[in-house]
């Protein structure tokens, strides 16, 4: 379910314009119910290869980072979600809080 099912070595950027996305969909693939990071460098936000996630229209989000063994759920009501890149800020704050 968390493996990229898009044809070829492409990502979501090829499949249309993200109307409400906070970030371009570079480096992102799509599985069965999840988006996942297939190229962390192209994604442009600190993330692990294989992170899978989903977000809602009102900026709600969850993501799972199997490399760092982290699961994050974030519930808010900010419409549209492109108003503030809060998901990227959340990911940055979570990554800064990680300790070995």
PDB file of N, CA and C in Angstrom:
ATOM      1  N   UNK A   1       0.805  -1.193   0.000  1.00  0.00           N
ATOM      2  CA  UNK A   1       0.000   0.000   0.000  1.00  0.00           C
ATOM      3  C   UNK A   1       0.851   1.261   0.000  1.00  0.00           C
ATOM      4  N   UNK A   2       2.022   1.185   0.572  1.00  0.00           N
ATOM      5  CA  UNK A   2       2.868   2.378   0.684  1.00  0.00           C
ATOM      6  C   UNK A   2       3.984   2.377  -0.350  1.00  0.00           C
ATOM      7  N   UNK A   3       3.788   1.679  -1.436  1.00  0.00           N
ATOM      8  CA  UNK A   3       4.740   1.687  -2.545  1.00  0.00           C
ATOM      9  C   UNK A   3       4.159   2.510  -3.683  1.00  0.00           C
ATOM     10  N   UNK A   4       4.996   3.198  -4.428  1.00  0.00           N
ATOM     11  CA  UNK A   4       4.552   4.023  -5.540  1.00  0.00           C
ATOM     12  C   UNK A   4       3.908   3.157  -6.620  1.00  0.00           C
ATOM     13  N   UNK A   5       2.686   3.508  -7.023  1.00  0.00           N
ATOM     14  CA  UNK A   5       1.980   2.775  -8.072  1.00  0.00           C
ATOM     15  C   UNK A   5       1.819   3.592  -9.347  1.00  0.00           C
ATOM     16  N   UNK A   6       2.472   4.747  -9.422  1.00  0.00           N
ATOM     17  CA  UNK A   6       2.430   5.526 -10.654  1.00  0.00           C
ATOM     18  C   UNK A   6       3.307   4.852 -11.692  1.00  0.00           C
ATOM     19  N   UNK A   7       2.932   4.940 -12.963  1.00  0.00           N
ATOM     20  CA  UNK A   7       3.720   4.272 -14.009  1.00  0.00           C
ATOM     21  C   UNK A   7       5.094   4.900 -14.198  1.00  0.00           C
ATOM     22  N   UNK A   8       6.065   4.068 -14.480  1.00  0.00           N
ATOM     23  CA  UNK A   8       7.421   4.540 -14.757  1.00  0.00           C
ATOM     24  C   UNK A   8       8.103   5.115 -13.538  1.00  0.00           C
ATOM     25  N   UNK A   9       9.115   5.932 -13.753  1.00  0.00           N
ATOM     26  CA  UNK A   9       9.862   6.579 -12.676  1.00  0.00           C
ATOM     27  C   UNK A   9       9.421   8.012 -12.490  1.00  0.00           C
ATOM     28  N   UNK A  10       8.157   8.254 -12.579  1.00  0.00           N
ATOM     29  CA  UNK A  10       7.635   9.610 -12.515  1.00  0.00           C
ATOM     30  C   UNK A  10       7.119   9.920 -11.118  1.00  0.00           C
ATOM     31  N   UNK A  11       6.617  11.105 -10.923  1.00  0.00           N
ATOM     32  CA  UNK A  11       6.013  11.476  -9.651  1.00  0.00           C
ATOM     33  C   UNK A  11       4.748  12.283  -9.924  1.00  0.00           C
ATOM     34  N   UNK A  12       4.067  12.727  -8.888  1.00  0.00           N
ATOM     35  CA  UNK A  12       2.785  13.409  -9.044  1.00  0.00           C
ATOM     36  C   UNK A  12       2.868  14.705  -9.818  1.00  0.00           C
ATOM     37  N   UNK A  13       4.025  15.329  -9.862  1.00  0.00           N
ATOM     38  CA  UNK A  13       4.166  16.595 -10.576  1.00  0.00           C
ATOM     39  C   UNK A  13       3.766  16.432 -12.041  1.00  0.00           C
ATOM     40  N   UNK A  14       3.982  15.261 -12.602  1.00  0.00           N
ATOM     41  CA  UNK A  14       3.681  14.981 -13.991  1.00  0.00           C
ATOM     42  C   UNK A  14       2.183  14.870 -14.242  1.00  0.00           C
ATOM     43  N   UNK A  15       1.402  14.577 -13.203  1.00  0.00           N
ATOM     44  CA  UNK A  15       0.001  14.256 -13.370  1.00  0.00           C
ATOM     45  C   UNK A  15      -0.947  15.423 -13.155  1.00  0.00           C
ATOM     46  N   UNK A  16      -0.485  16.625 -13.156  1.00  0.00           N
ATOM     47  CA  UNK A  16      -1.374  17.764 -13.055  1.00  0.00           C
ATOM     48  C   UNK A  16      -0.876  18.803 -12.073  1.00  0.00           C
ATOM     49  N   UNK A  17      -1.590  19.912 -12.055  1.00  0.00           N
ATOM     50  CA  UNK A  17      -1.232  21.032 -11.197  1.00  0.00           C
ATOM     51  C   UNK A  17      -1.862  20.855  -9.819  1.00  0.00           C
ATOM     52  N   UNK A  18      -1.077  20.923  -8.761  1.00  0.00           N
ATOM     53  CA  UNK A  18      -1.650  20.798  -7.420  1.00  0.00           C
ATOM     54  C   UNK A  18      -2.372  22.080  -7.020  1.00  0.00           C
ATOM     55  N   UNK A  19      -3.685  22.079  -7.070  1.00  0.00           N
ATOM     56  CA  UNK A  19      -4.453  23.296  -6.828  1.00  0.00           C
ATOM     57  C   UNK A  19      -4.369  23.788  -5.392  1.00  0.00           C
ATOM     58  N   UNK A  20      -4.384  22.882  -4.429  1.00  0.00           N
ATOM     59  CA  UNK A  20      -4.423  23.294  -3.036  1.00  0.00           C
ATOM     60  C   UNK A  20      -3.202  22.826  -2.257  1.00  0.00           C
ATOM     61  N   UNK A  21      -2.210  22.306  -2.922  1.00  0.00           N
ATOM     62  CA  UNK A  21      -1.032  21.786  -2.232  1.00  0.00           C
ATOM     63  C   UNK A  21      -0.180  22.933  -1.700  1.00  0.00           C
ATOM     64  N   UNK A  22       0.389  22.699  -0.535  1.00  0.00           N
ATOM     65  CA  UNK A  22       1.283  23.705   0.060  1.00  0.00           C
ATOM     66  C   UNK A  22       2.626  23.716  -0.638  1.00  0.00           C
ATOM     67  N   UNK A  23       3.042  22.581  -1.127  1.00  0.00           N
ATOM     68  CA  UNK A  23       4.325  22.462  -1.814  1.00  0.00           C
ATOM     69  C   UNK A  23       4.098  21.787  -3.154  1.00  0.00           C
ATOM     70  N   UNK A  24       4.966  22.014  -4.114  1.00  0.00           N
ATOM     71  CA  UNK A  24       4.867  21.267  -5.370  1.00  0.00           C
ATOM     72  C   UNK A  24       5.018  19.776  -5.079  1.00  0.00           C
ATOM     73  N   UNK A  25       4.476  18.966  -5.935  1.00  0.00           N
ATOM     74  CA  UNK A  25       4.493  17.525  -5.700  1.00  0.00           C
ATOM     75  C   UNK A  25       5.719  16.848  -6.293  1.00  0.00           C
ATOM     76  N   UNK A  26       6.838  17.548  -6.299  1.00  0.00           N
ATOM     77  CA  UNK A  26       8.082  16.950  -6.787  1.00  0.00           C
ATOM     78  C   UNK A  26       8.576  15.919  -5.784  1.00  0.00           C
ATOM     79  N   UNK A  27       9.037  14.795  -6.289  1.00  0.00           N
ATOM     80  CA  UNK A  27       9.597  13.765  -5.416  1.00  0.00           C
ATOM     81  C   UNK A  27       8.574  12.949  -4.674  1.00  0.00           C
ATOM     82  N   UNK A  28       7.294  13.068  -5.078  1.00  0.00           N
ATOM     83  CA  UNK A  28       6.208  12.383  -4.392  1.00  0.00           C
ATOM     84  C   UNK A  28       5.549  11.383  -5.326  1.00  0.00           C
ATOM     85  N   UNK A  29       5.314  10.180  -4.822  1.00  0.00           N
ATOM     86  CA  UNK A  29       4.580   9.156  -5.550  1.00  0.00           C
ATOM     87  C   UNK A  29       3.254   8.906  -4.867  1.00  0.00           C
ATOM     88  N   UNK A  30       2.496   7.968  -5.398  1.00  0.00           N
ATOM     89  CA  UNK A  30       1.189   7.684  -4.822  1.00  0.00           C
ATOM     90  C   UNK A  30       0.973   6.188  -4.762  1.00  0.00           C
ATOM     91  N   UNK A  31       0.582   5.718  -3.584  1.00  0.00           N
ATOM     92  CA  UNK A  31       0.277   4.305  -3.377  1.00  0.00           C
ATOM     93  C   UNK A  31      -1.217   4.111  -3.236  1.00  0.00           C
ATOM     94  N   UNK A  32      -1.609   3.098  -2.500  1.00  0.00           N
ATOM     95  CA  UNK A  32      -3.021   2.801  -2.298  1.00  0.00           C
ATOM     96  C   UNK A  32      -3.528   3.539  -1.057  1.00  0.00           C
ATOM     97  N   UNK A  33      -3.854   4.803  -1.231  1.00  0.00           N
ATOM     98  CA  UNK A  33      -4.385   5.614  -0.149  1.00  0.00           C
ATOM     99  C   UNK A  33      -3.394   6.553   0.496  1.00  0.00           C
ATOM    100  N   UNK A  34      -2.172   6.573   0.021  1.00  0.00           N
ATOM    101  CA  UNK A  34      -1.139   7.409   0.627  1.00  0.00           C
ATOM    102  C   UNK A  34      -0.298   8.064  -0.454  1.00  0.00           C
ATOM    103  N   UNK A  35       0.241   9.229  -0.128  1.00  0.00           N
ATOM    104  CA  UNK A  35       1.335   9.751  -0.932  1.00  0.00           C
ATOM    105  C   UNK A  35       2.611   9.317  -0.225  1.00  0.00           C
ATOM    106  N   UNK A  36       3.679   9.179  -0.949  1.00  0.00           N
ATOM    107  CA  UNK A  36       4.937   8.800  -0.312  1.00  0.00           C
ATOM    108  C   UNK A  36       6.099   9.504  -0.973  1.00  0.00           C
ATOM    109  N   UNK A  37       7.155   9.675  -0.188  1.00  0.00           N
ATOM    110  CA  UNK A  37       8.363  10.333  -0.678  1.00  0.00           C
ATOM    111  C   UNK A  37       9.168   9.305  -1.460  1.00  0.00           C
ATOM    112  N   UNK A  38       9.363   9.591  -2.754  1.00  0.00           N
ATOM    113  CA  UNK A  38      10.185   8.698  -3.567  1.00  0.00           C
ATOM    114  C   UNK A  38      11.527   9.333  -3.910  1.00  0.00           C
ATOM    115  N   UNK A  39      11.655  10.631  -3.664  1.00  0.00           N
ATOM    116  CA  UNK A  39      12.916  11.332  -3.883  1.00  0.00           C
ATOM    117  C   UNK A  39      13.004  12.498  -2.893  1.00  0.00           C
ATOM    118  N   UNK A  40      13.621  12.278  -1.719  1.00  0.00           N
ATOM    119  CA  UNK A  40      13.682  13.323  -0.691  1.00  0.00           C
ATOM    120  C   UNK A  40      14.335  14.621  -1.157  1.00  0.00           C
ATOM    121  N   UNK A  41      15.312  14.537  -2.046  1.00  0.00           N
ATOM    122  CA  UNK A  41      15.994  15.749  -2.529  1.00  0.00           C
ATOM    123  C   UNK A  41      15.029  16.588  -3.358  1.00  0.00           C
ATOM    124  N   UNK A  42      14.316  15.977  -4.277  1.00  0.00           N
ATOM    125  CA  UNK A  42      13.345  16.709  -5.099  1.00  0.00           C
ATOM    126  C   UNK A  42      12.169  17.201  -4.277  1.00  0.00           C
ATOM    127  N   UNK A  43      11.837  16.492  -3.200  1.00  0.00           N
ATOM    128  CA  UNK A  43      10.719  16.884  -2.337  1.00  0.00           C
ATOM    129  C   UNK A  43      10.975  18.252  -1.704  1.00  0.00           C
ATOM    130  N   UNK A  44      12.221  18.517  -1.321  1.00  0.00           N
ATOM    131  CA  UNK A  44      12.595  19.842  -0.849  1.00  0.00           C
ATOM    132  C   UNK A  44      12.352  20.122   0.625  1.00  0.00           C
ATOM    133  N   UNK A  45      11.892  19.145   1.373  1.00  0.00           N
ATOM    134  CA  UNK A  45      11.694  19.258   2.817  1.00  0.00           C
ATOM    135  C   UNK A  45      12.406  18.057   3.434  1.00  0.00           C
ATOM    136  N   UNK A  46      13.027  18.253   4.594  1.00  0.00           N
ATOM    137  CA  UNK A  46      13.734  17.135   5.221  1.00  0.00           C
ATOM    138  C   UNK A  46      12.740  16.016   5.476  1.00  0.00           C
ATOM    139  N   UNK A  47      12.965  14.873   4.837  1.00  0.00           N
ATOM    140  CA  UNK A  47      12.087  13.716   4.956  1.00  0.00           C
ATOM    141  C   UNK A  47      12.893  12.475   4.591  1.00  0.00           C
ATOM    142  N   UNK A  48      12.413  11.345   5.032  1.00  0.00           N
ATOM    143  CA  UNK A  48      13.074  10.079   4.726  1.00  0.00           C
ATOM    144  C   UNK A  48      12.448   9.446   3.492  1.00  0.00           C
ATOM    145  N   UNK A  49      13.254   8.727   2.747  1.00  0.00           N
ATOM    146  CA  UNK A  49      12.745   7.945   1.631  1.00  0.00           C
ATOM    147  C   UNK A  49      11.737   6.952   2.182  1.00  0.00           C
ATOM    148  N   UNK A  50      10.553   6.916   1.610  1.00  0.00           N
ATOM    149  CA  UNK A  50       9.524   5.986   2.062  1.00  0.00           C
ATOM    150  C   UNK A  50       8.535   6.553   3.059  1.00  0.00           C
ATOM    151  N   UNK A  51       8.719   7.823   3.483  1.00  0.00           N
ATOM    152  CA  UNK A  51       7.686   8.462   4.309  1.00  0.00           C
ATOM    153  C   UNK A  51       6.367   8.357   3.567  1.00  0.00           C
ATOM    154  N   UNK A  52       5.300   8.055   4.264  1.00  0.00           N
ATOM    155  CA  UNK A  52       3.993   8.090   3.618  1.00  0.00           C
ATOM    156  C   UNK A  52       3.045   8.945   4.444  1.00  0.00           C
ATOM    157  N   UNK A  53       2.102   9.588   3.744  1.00  0.00           N
ATOM    158  CA  UNK A  53       1.284  10.599   4.407  1.00  0.00           C
ATOM    159  C   UNK A  53       0.005  10.856   3.627  1.00  0.00           C
ATOM    160  N   UNK A  54      -0.837  11.701   4.263  1.00  0.00           N
ATOM    161  CA  UNK A  54      -2.010  12.228   3.581  1.00  0.00           C
ATOM    162  C   UNK A  54      -2.436  13.480   4.312  1.00  0.00           C
ATOM    163  N   UNK A  55      -3.014  14.417   3.586  1.00  0.00           N
ATOM    164  CA  UNK A  55      -3.479  15.652   4.194  1.00  0.00           C
ATOM    165  C   UNK A  55      -4.877  15.988   3.734  1.00  0.00           C
ATOM    166  N   UNK A  56      -5.570  16.770   4.555  1.00  0.00           N
ATOM    167  CA  UNK A  56      -6.926  17.182   4.235  1.00  0.00           C
ATOM    168  C   UNK A  56      -6.988  18.622   3.769  1.00  0.00           C
ATOM    169  N   UNK A  57      -8.155  19.036   3.307  1.00  0.00           N
ATOM    170  CA  UNK A  57      -8.346  20.379   2.765  1.00  0.00           C
ATOM    171  C   UNK A  57      -8.142  21.464   3.812  1.00  0.00           C
ATOM    172  N   UNK A  58      -8.422  21.175   5.075  1.00  0.00           N
ATOM    173  CA  UNK A  58      -8.326  22.185   6.132  1.00  0.00           C
ATOM    174  C   UNK A  58      -6.996  22.087   6.876  1.00  0.00           C
ATOM    175  N   UNK A  59      -5.953  21.690   6.183  1.00  0.00           N
ATOM    176  CA  UNK A  59      -4.581  21.607   6.699  1.00  0.00           C
ATOM    177  C   UNK A  59      -4.337  20.449   7.663  1.00  0.00           C
ATOM    178  N   UNK A  60      -5.321  19.571   7.847  1.00  0.00           N
ATOM    179  CA  UNK A  60      -5.055  18.393   8.674  1.00  0.00           C
ATOM    180  C   UNK A  60      -4.049  17.517   7.954  1.00  0.00           C
ATOM    181  N   UNK A  61      -3.310  16.729   8.692  1.00  0.00           N
ATOM    182  CA  UNK A  61      -2.287  15.890   8.065  1.00  0.00           C
ATOM    183  C   UNK A  61      -1.874  14.762   8.996  1.00  0.00           C
ATOM    184  N   UNK A  62      -1.378  13.711   8.401  1.00  0.00           N
ATOM    185  CA  UNK A  62      -0.663  12.700   9.160  1.00  0.00           C
ATOM    186  C   UNK A  62       0.489  12.237   8.295  1.00  0.00           C
ATOM    187  N   UNK A  63       1.541  11.801   8.922  1.00  0.00           N
ATOM    188  CA  UNK A  63       2.607  11.147   8.182  1.00  0.00           C
ATOM    189  C   UNK A  63       3.300  10.127   9.060  1.00  0.00           C
ATOM    190  N   UNK A  64       3.869   9.151   8.400  1.00  0.00           N
ATOM    191  CA  UNK A  64       4.614   8.088   9.061  1.00  0.00           C
ATOM    192  C   UNK A  64       6.000   8.062   8.446  1.00  0.00           C
ATOM    193  N   UNK A  65       7.007   8.119   9.297  1.00  0.00           N
ATOM    194  CA  UNK A  65       8.401   8.019   8.869  1.00  0.00           C
ATOM    195  C   UNK A  65       8.943   6.712   9.417  1.00  0.00           C
ATOM    196  N   UNK A  66       8.953   5.653   8.597  1.00  0.00           N
ATOM    197  CA  UNK A  66       9.417   4.357   9.089  1.00  0.00           C
ATOM    198  C   UNK A  66      10.915   4.328   9.397  1.00  0.00           C
ATOM    199  N   UNK A  67      11.685   5.217   8.802  1.00  0.00           N
ATOM    200  CA  UNK A  67      13.128   5.261   9.063  1.00  0.00           C
ATOM    201  C   UNK A  67      13.398   5.784  10.472  1.00  0.00           C
ATOM    202  N   UNK A  68      12.712   6.868  10.838  1.00  0.00           N
ATOM    203  CA  UNK A  68      12.891   7.484  12.160  1.00  0.00           C
ATOM    204  C   UNK A  68      11.936   6.898  13.204  1.00  0.00           C
ATOM    205  N   UNK A  69      11.056   5.990  12.789  1.00  0.00           N
ATOM    206  CA  UNK A  69      10.079   5.365  13.678  1.00  0.00           C
ATOM    207  C   UNK A  69       9.186   6.423  14.330  1.00  0.00           C
ATOM    208  N   UNK A  70       8.608   7.309  13.488  1.00  0.00           N
ATOM    209  CA  UNK A  70       7.782   8.416  13.958  1.00  0.00           C
ATOM    210  C   UNK A  70       6.438   8.381  13.234  1.00  0.00           C
ATOM    211  N   UNK A  71       5.377   8.604  13.999  1.00  0.00           N
ATOM    212  CA  UNK A  71       4.035   8.781  13.446  1.00  0.00           C
ATOM    213  C   UNK A  71       3.499  10.110  13.958  1.00  0.00           C
ATOM    214  N   UNK A  72       3.004  10.951  13.055  1.00  0.00           N
ATOM    215  CA  UNK A  72       2.531  12.283  13.422  1.00  0.00           C
ATOM    216  C   UNK A  72       1.116  12.471  12.889  1.00  0.00           C
ATOM    217  N   UNK A  73       0.217  12.925  13.756  1.00  0.00           N
ATOM    218  CA  UNK A  73      -1.142  13.322  13.360  1.00  0.00           C
ATOM    219  C   UNK A  73      -1.316  14.781  13.743  1.00  0.00           C
ATOM    220  N   UNK A  74      -1.866  15.569  12.832  1.00  0.00           N
ATOM    221  CA  UNK A  74      -2.014  17.003  13.062  1.00  0.00           C
ATOM    222  C   UNK A  74      -3.420  17.422  12.624  1.00  0.00           C
ATOM    223  N   UNK A  75      -4.173  17.985  13.553  1.00  0.00           N
ATOM    224  CA  UNK A  75      -5.555  18.375  13.268  1.00  0.00           C
ATOM    225  C   UNK A  75      -5.722  19.874  13.447  1.00  0.00           C
ATOM    226  N   UNK A  76      -6.179  20.509  12.405  1.00  0.00           N
ATOM    227  CA  UNK A  76      -6.408  21.948  12.441  1.00  0.00           C
ATOM    228  C   UNK A  76      -7.528  22.286  11.468  1.00  0.00           C
ATOM    229  N   UNK A  77      -7.935  23.517  11.409  1.00  0.00           N
ATOM    230  CA  UNK A  77      -8.992  23.940  10.500  1.00  0.00           C
ATOM    231  C   UNK A  77      -8.592  25.231   9.809  1.00  0.00           C
ATOM    232  N   UNK A  78      -7.589  25.170   8.973  1.00  0.00           N
ATOM    233  CA  UNK A  78      -7.114  26.334   8.230  1.00  0.00           C
ATOM    234  C   UNK A  78      -7.423  26.111   6.754  1.00  0.00           C
ATOM    235  N   UNK A  79      -8.349  26.900   6.228  1.00  0.00           N
ATOM    236  CA  UNK A  79      -8.764  26.753   4.831  1.00  0.00           C
ATOM    237  C   UNK A  79      -8.341  27.963   4.019  1.00  0.00           C
ATOM    238  N   UNK A  80      -7.927  27.807   2.773  1.00  0.00           N
ATOM    239  CA  UNK A  80      -7.448  26.553   2.205  1.00  0.00           C
ATOM    240  C   UNK A  80      -6.081  26.210   2.782  1.00  0.00           C
ATOM    241  N   UNK A  81      -5.683  24.972   2.626  1.00  0.00           N
ATOM    242  CA  UNK A  81      -4.428  24.542   3.243  1.00  0.00           C
ATOM    243  C   UNK A  81      -3.215  25.237   2.648  1.00  0.00           C
ATOM    244  N   UNK A  82      -3.366  25.819   1.465  1.00  0.00           N
ATOM    245  CA  UNK A  82      -2.240  26.531   0.848  1.00  0.00           C
ATOM    246  C   UNK A  82      -2.022  27.915   1.462  1.00  0.00           C
ATOM    247  N   UNK A  83      -2.882  28.344   2.398  1.00  0.00           N
ATOM    248  CA  UNK A  83      -2.750  29.647   3.048  1.00  0.00           C
ATOM    249  C   UNK A  83      -1.435  29.780   3.795  1.00  0.00           C
ATOM    250  N   UNK A  84      -1.049  28.740   4.485  1.00  0.00           N
ATOM    251  CA  UNK A  84       0.172  28.723   5.290  1.00  0.00           C
ATOM    252  C   UNK A  84       0.802  27.345   5.173  1.00  0.00           C
ATOM    253  N   UNK A  85       2.092  27.252   4.849  1.00  0.00           N
ATOM    254  CA  UNK A  85       2.731  25.929   4.707  1.00  0.00           C
ATOM    255  C   UNK A  85       2.986  25.278   6.074  1.00  0.00           C
ATOM    256  N   UNK A  86       1.928  25.125   6.843  1.00  0.00           N
ATOM    257  CA  UNK A  86       2.055  24.650   8.217  1.00  0.00           C
ATOM    258  C   UNK A  86       2.543  23.204   8.292  1.00  0.00           C
ATOM    259  N   UNK A  87       2.235  22.398   7.297  1.00  0.00           N
ATOM    260  CA  UNK A  87       2.686  20.996   7.314  1.00  0.00           C
ATOM    261  C   UNK A  87       4.204  20.914   7.224  1.00  0.00           C
ATOM    262  N   UNK A  88       4.799  21.779   6.416  1.00  0.00           N
ATOM    263  CA  UNK A  88       6.260  21.791   6.327  1.00  0.00           C
ATOM    264  C   UNK A  88       6.880  22.257   7.640  1.00  0.00           C
ATOM    265  N   UNK A  89       6.259  23.251   8.279  1.00  0.00           N
ATOM    266  CA  UNK A  89       6.742  23.714   9.585  1.00  0.00           C
ATOM    267  C   UNK A  89       6.629  22.593  10.615  1.00  0.00           C
ATOM    268  N   UNK A  90       5.520  21.879  10.586  1.00  0.00           N
ATOM    269  CA  UNK A  90       5.319  20.762  11.511  1.00  0.00           C
ATOM    270  C   UNK A  90       6.398  19.710  11.329  1.00  0.00           C
ATOM    271  N   UNK A  91       6.663  19.346  10.095  1.00  0.00           N
ATOM    272  CA  UNK A  91       7.682  18.323   9.815  1.00  0.00           C
ATOM    273  C   UNK A  91       9.053  18.799  10.306  1.00  0.00           C
ATOM    274  N   UNK A  92       9.357  20.055  10.092  1.00  0.00           N
ATOM    275  CA  UNK A  92      10.635  20.603  10.544  1.00  0.00           C
ATOM    276  C   UNK A  92      10.732  20.559  12.069  1.00  0.00           C
ATOM    277  N   UNK A  93       9.678  20.953  12.769  1.00  0.00           N
ATOM    278  CA  UNK A  93       9.693  20.943  14.229  1.00  0.00           C
ATOM    279  C   UNK A  93       9.823  19.527  14.794  1.00  0.00           C
ATOM    280  N   UNK A  94       9.111  18.593  14.190  1.00  0.00           N
ATOM    281  CA  UNK A  94       9.215  17.190  14.639  1.00  0.00           C
ATOM    282  C   UNK A  94      10.627  16.674  14.424  1.00  0.00           C
ATOM    283  N   UNK A  95      11.209  16.944  13.271  1.00  0.00           N
ATOM    284  CA  UNK A  95      12.568  16.469  12.996  1.00  0.00           C
ATOM    285  C   UNK A  95      13.590  17.102  13.948  1.00  0.00           C
ATOM    286  N   UNK A  96      13.395  18.366  14.310  1.00  0.00           N
ATOM    287  CA  UNK A  96      14.306  19.027  15.242  1.00  0.00           C
ATOM    288  C   UNK A  96      14.191  18.449  16.648  1.00  0.00           C
ATOM    289  N   UNK A  97      13.034  17.894  16.990  1.00  0.00           N
ATOM    290  CA  UNK A  97      12.819  17.342  18.326  1.00  0.00           C
ATOM    291  C   UNK A  97      13.360  15.922  18.489  1.00  0.00           C
ATOM    292  N   UNK A  98      13.713  15.280  17.372  1.00  0.00           N
ATOM    293  CA  UNK A  98      14.207  13.900  17.447  1.00  0.00           C
ATOM    294  C   UNK A  98      15.594  13.849  18.083  1.00  0.00           C
ATOM    295  N   UNK A  99      15.780  12.915  18.987  1.00  0.00           N
ATOM    296  CA  UNK A  99      17.089  12.668  19.593  1.00  0.00           C
ATOM    297  C   UNK A  99      17.371  11.175  19.508  1.00  0.00           C
ATOM    298  N   UNK A 100      18.639  10.826  19.481  1.00  0.00           N
ATOM    299  CA  UNK A 100      18.999   9.401  19.403  1.00  0.00           C
ATOM    300  C   UNK A 100      18.841   8.739  20.734  1.00  0.00           C
TER     301      UNK A 100
END
